[in-house]
């Protein structure tokens, strides 16, 4: 998509949601990204623990 298309999409979103809802919407998106990253980090740590226990048994 070209820059003009993205500008039109942004204007339509602005008209649909209004100026008041956009910051709240972006905040919710940011919180979702943070929660996803935290979950990925915790998943990686639990995998390391499992690998460590497997190695001790061998």
N, C-alpha and C. Protein backbone atom coordinates (compact mmCIF):
# COMPACT_ATOMS: atom_id res chain seq x y z
N UNK A 1 0.85 -1.19 0.00
CA UNK A 1 0.00 0.00 0.00
C UNK A 1 0.89 1.24 0.00
N UNK A 2 0.42 2.23 -0.66
CA UNK A 2 1.19 3.46 -0.73
C UNK A 2 0.89 4.35 0.48
N UNK A 3 1.63 5.42 0.59
CA UNK A 3 1.48 6.35 1.70
C UNK A 3 0.09 6.98 1.70
N UNK A 4 -0.45 7.26 0.55
CA UNK A 4 -1.80 7.86 0.45
C UNK A 4 -2.85 6.89 1.01
N UNK A 5 -2.71 5.61 0.71
CA UNK A 5 -3.66 4.62 1.23
C UNK A 5 -3.61 4.57 2.76
N UNK A 6 -2.39 4.59 3.32
CA UNK A 6 -2.26 4.55 4.78
C UNK A 6 -2.84 5.81 5.41
N UNK A 7 -2.69 6.96 4.75
CA UNK A 7 -3.26 8.21 5.26
C UNK A 7 -4.78 8.13 5.27
N UNK A 8 -5.36 7.57 4.23
CA UNK A 8 -6.82 7.43 4.17
C UNK A 8 -7.30 6.48 5.27
N UNK A 9 -6.59 5.38 5.47
CA UNK A 9 -6.95 4.44 6.53
C UNK A 9 -6.87 5.12 7.90
N UNK A 10 -5.83 5.90 8.12
CA UNK A 10 -5.68 6.61 9.39
C UNK A 10 -6.81 7.61 9.61
N UNK A 11 -7.21 8.31 8.58
CA UNK A 11 -8.31 9.28 8.70
C UNK A 11 -9.62 8.57 9.02
N UNK A 12 -9.87 7.45 8.36
CA UNK A 12 -11.10 6.69 8.62
C UNK A 12 -11.12 6.18 10.06
N UNK A 13 -10.00 5.66 10.52
CA UNK A 13 -9.92 5.18 11.91
C UNK A 13 -10.15 6.33 12.88
N UNK A 14 -9.54 7.47 12.60
CA UNK A 14 -9.71 8.64 13.46
C UNK A 14 -11.17 9.06 13.51
N UNK A 15 -11.85 9.03 12.38
CA UNK A 15 -13.26 9.40 12.35
C UNK A 15 -14.14 8.40 13.08
N UNK A 16 -13.81 7.12 12.97
CA UNK A 16 -14.61 6.09 13.63
C UNK A 16 -14.45 6.10 15.15
N UNK A 17 -13.23 6.21 15.60
CA UNK A 17 -12.97 6.10 17.03
C UNK A 17 -12.91 7.44 17.75
N UNK A 18 -12.65 8.51 17.05
CA UNK A 18 -12.57 9.82 17.69
C UNK A 18 -11.25 10.02 18.40
N UNK A 19 -10.98 11.25 18.79
CA UNK A 19 -9.71 11.61 19.40
C UNK A 19 -9.57 11.04 20.81
N UNK A 20 -10.67 10.86 21.53
CA UNK A 20 -10.60 10.41 22.92
C UNK A 20 -10.28 8.93 23.06
N UNK A 21 -10.73 8.13 22.13
CA UNK A 21 -10.56 6.68 22.26
C UNK A 21 -9.22 6.19 21.73
N UNK A 22 -8.59 6.92 20.85
CA UNK A 22 -7.34 6.45 20.25
C UNK A 22 -6.21 6.26 21.26
N UNK A 23 -5.95 7.22 22.16
CA UNK A 23 -4.88 6.99 23.14
C UNK A 23 -5.15 5.78 24.03
N UNK A 24 -6.40 5.60 24.41
CA UNK A 24 -6.76 4.44 25.25
C UNK A 24 -6.57 3.15 24.47
N UNK A 25 -6.94 3.16 23.19
CA UNK A 25 -6.79 1.99 22.34
C UNK A 25 -5.30 1.65 22.17
N UNK A 26 -4.48 2.64 21.94
CA UNK A 26 -3.04 2.41 21.78
C UNK A 26 -2.43 1.91 23.09
N UNK A 27 -2.91 2.42 24.22
CA UNK A 27 -2.44 1.94 25.52
C UNK A 27 -2.78 0.48 25.74
N UNK A 28 -3.99 0.09 25.32
CA UNK A 28 -4.38 -1.31 25.45
C UNK A 28 -3.53 -2.21 24.56
N UNK A 29 -3.21 -1.73 23.36
CA UNK A 29 -2.35 -2.50 22.46
C UNK A 29 -0.96 -2.67 23.08
N UNK A 30 -0.44 -1.59 23.65
CA UNK A 30 0.89 -1.64 24.29
C UNK A 30 0.89 -2.62 25.46
N UNK A 31 -0.16 -2.63 26.26
CA UNK A 31 -0.25 -3.57 27.38
C UNK A 31 -0.30 -5.01 26.88
N UNK A 32 -1.00 -5.24 25.79
CA UNK A 32 -1.06 -6.58 25.21
C UNK A 32 0.30 -7.05 24.73
N UNK A 33 1.05 -6.16 24.11
CA UNK A 33 2.39 -6.51 23.64
C UNK A 33 3.30 -6.82 24.82
N UNK A 34 3.22 -6.02 25.88
CA UNK A 34 4.04 -6.27 27.07
C UNK A 34 3.70 -7.62 27.70
N UNK A 35 2.41 -7.93 27.78
CA UNK A 35 1.99 -9.20 28.36
C UNK A 35 2.48 -10.38 27.50
N UNK A 36 2.45 -10.20 26.18
CA UNK A 36 2.93 -11.25 25.29
C UNK A 36 4.43 -11.48 25.48
N UNK A 37 5.20 -10.40 25.57
CA UNK A 37 6.64 -10.53 25.76
C UNK A 37 6.96 -11.18 27.10
N UNK A 38 6.20 -10.81 28.14
CA UNK A 38 6.42 -11.41 29.46
C UNK A 38 6.11 -12.90 29.42
N UNK A 39 5.04 -13.28 28.74
CA UNK A 39 4.69 -14.69 28.61
C UNK A 39 5.74 -15.48 27.86
N UNK A 40 6.29 -14.89 26.81
CA UNK A 40 7.34 -15.56 26.05
C UNK A 40 8.59 -15.74 26.91
N UNK A 41 8.91 -14.74 27.72
CA UNK A 41 10.09 -14.83 28.59
C UNK A 41 9.89 -15.92 29.64
N UNK A 42 8.71 -15.96 30.24
CA UNK A 42 8.42 -16.98 31.26
C UNK A 42 8.43 -18.38 30.64
N UNK A 43 7.94 -18.50 29.43
CA UNK A 43 7.93 -19.79 28.75
C UNK A 43 9.36 -20.26 28.49
N UNK A 44 10.22 -19.35 28.11
CA UNK A 44 11.62 -19.70 27.87
C UNK A 44 12.32 -20.14 29.15
N UNK A 45 12.00 -19.50 30.26
CA UNK A 45 12.61 -19.87 31.54
C UNK A 45 12.14 -21.26 31.98
N UNK A 46 10.86 -21.55 31.78
CA UNK A 46 10.37 -22.87 32.20
C UNK A 46 10.98 -23.97 31.33
N UNK A 47 11.22 -23.68 30.05
CA UNK A 47 11.86 -24.66 29.17
C UNK A 47 13.28 -24.92 29.62
N UNK A 48 13.99 -23.88 30.05
CA UNK A 48 15.36 -24.06 30.54
C UNK A 48 15.38 -24.94 31.79
N UNK A 49 14.40 -24.74 32.68
CA UNK A 49 14.33 -25.53 33.90
C UNK A 49 14.09 -27.00 33.57
N UNK A 50 13.21 -27.26 32.62
CA UNK A 50 12.92 -28.63 32.23
C UNK A 50 14.16 -29.29 31.64
N UNK A 51 14.88 -28.58 30.78
CA UNK A 51 16.10 -29.12 30.18
C UNK A 51 17.14 -29.42 31.26
N UNK A 52 17.24 -28.54 32.24
CA UNK A 52 18.21 -28.73 33.34
C UNK A 52 17.87 -29.99 34.13
N UNK A 53 16.60 -30.22 34.43
CA UNK A 53 16.19 -31.41 35.17
C UNK A 53 16.44 -32.66 34.35
N UNK A 54 16.18 -32.62 33.04
CA UNK A 54 16.44 -33.77 32.18
C UNK A 54 17.91 -34.13 32.17
N UNK A 55 18.78 -33.14 32.13
CA UNK A 55 20.21 -33.37 32.09
C UNK A 55 20.72 -33.97 33.40
N UNK A 56 20.11 -33.59 34.52
CA UNK A 56 20.54 -34.12 35.81
C UNK A 56 20.18 -35.60 35.93
N UNK A 57 19.06 -36.02 35.35
CA UNK A 57 18.62 -37.41 35.44
C UNK A 57 19.49 -38.33 34.59
N UNK A 58 20.07 -37.79 33.53
CA UNK A 58 20.90 -38.61 32.65
C UNK A 58 22.22 -38.76 33.23
